[in-house]
Amino acid sequence: MTQYLTVAETARYLNTSPRFVRRLVAARRIAFYRIGRHVRFAVTDLDAWLAQGRVEPFPHRPHPHPRRGTR
């Protein structure tokens, strides 16, 4: 069964402010459900949205010039 969160619960889940969550809704940058005047967020949608924003690290490349001894 899918769990739905309020704006305040979503803010806690994302470790951000409720204002930021409302801005995401206003800009339609995050999936949400409107139930009358209420807005709810599915946890599965939030997890997918977070995964979509993931940035992979660059692979480690050694420095092109080895360091010489310092004085």
Protein backbone atom coordinates (compact mmCIF):
# COMPACT_ATOMS: atom_id res chain seq x y z
CA MET A 1 0.00 0.00 0.00
CA THR A 2 1.34 3.43 -0.94
CA GLN A 3 1.96 5.91 1.85
CA TYR A 4 1.02 9.55 1.26
CA LEU A 5 2.61 12.48 3.07
CA THR A 6 1.50 16.04 3.79
CA VAL A 7 3.63 19.07 2.89
CA ALA A 8 5.15 19.17 6.39
CA GLU A 9 5.85 15.42 6.40
CA THR A 10 7.36 15.67 2.91
CA ALA A 11 9.61 18.50 4.06
CA ARG A 12 10.86 16.35 6.94
CA TYR A 13 11.32 13.38 4.56
CA LEU A 14 13.39 15.53 2.18
CA ASN A 15 15.14 17.31 5.06
CA THR A 16 14.05 20.71 3.76
CA SER A 17 11.50 23.40 4.55
CA PRO A 18 7.76 23.26 3.82
CA ARG A 19 8.19 26.46 1.79
CA PHE A 20 10.62 24.67 -0.56
CA VAL A 21 8.13 21.82 -1.03
CA ARG A 22 5.37 24.33 -1.86
CA ARG A 23 7.67 26.01 -4.39
CA LEU A 24 8.30 22.62 -6.04
CA VAL A 25 4.54 22.10 -6.29
CA ALA A 26 3.93 25.59 -7.69
CA ALA A 27 6.60 25.05 -10.35
CA ARG A 28 5.28 21.53 -11.06
CA ARG A 29 8.75 20.11 -10.49
CA ILE A 30 7.56 17.26 -8.26
CA ALA A 31 4.72 14.76 -8.57
CA PHE A 32 1.82 15.31 -6.18
CA TYR A 33 -1.84 14.45 -5.67
CA ARG A 34 -4.49 17.08 -5.11
CA ILE A 35 -7.35 15.98 -2.87
CA GLY A 36 -9.70 18.93 -2.82
CA ARG A 37 -7.56 21.74 -1.44
CA HIS A 38 -5.06 19.34 0.10
CA VAL A 39 -1.79 18.28 -1.50
CA ARG A 40 -0.28 14.85 -0.83
CA PHE A 41 2.91 13.15 -1.96
CA ALA A 42 3.47 9.44 -2.53
CA VAL A 43 6.67 8.18 -0.92
CA THR A 44 7.42 6.14 -4.05
CA ASP A 45 7.19 9.32 -6.17
CA LEU A 46 9.51 11.14 -3.77
CA ASP A 47 12.07 8.32 -3.93
CA ALA A 48 11.92 8.35 -7.75
CA TRP A 49 12.31 12.14 -7.80
CA LEU A 50 15.33 11.93 -5.51
CA ALA A 51 16.92 9.21 -7.64
CA GLN A 52 16.36 11.32 -10.75
CA GLY A 53 18.38 14.14 -9.22
CA ARG A 54 21.31 11.96 -8.27
CA VAL A 55 24.68 13.12 -9.58
CA GLU A 56 27.35 10.48 -10.07
CA PRO A 57 30.89 11.31 -8.96
CA PHE A 58 33.65 11.67 -11.51
CA PRO A 59 35.96 8.66 -11.75
CA HIS A 60 39.24 9.22 -9.95
CA ARG A 61 42.03 10.16 -12.30
CA PRO A 62 45.58 10.48 -11.07
CA HIS A 63 47.15 13.91 -11.35
CA PRO A 64 48.88 14.21 -14.77
CA HIS A 65 52.18 15.38 -13.26
CA PRO A 66 53.51 13.56 -10.23
CA ARG A 67 54.42 15.83 -7.35
CA ARG A 68 58.06 16.38 -6.72
CA GLY A 69 59.49 16.50 -3.24
CA THR A 70 58.75 19.66 -1.31
CA ARG A 71 61.40 21.68 0.48
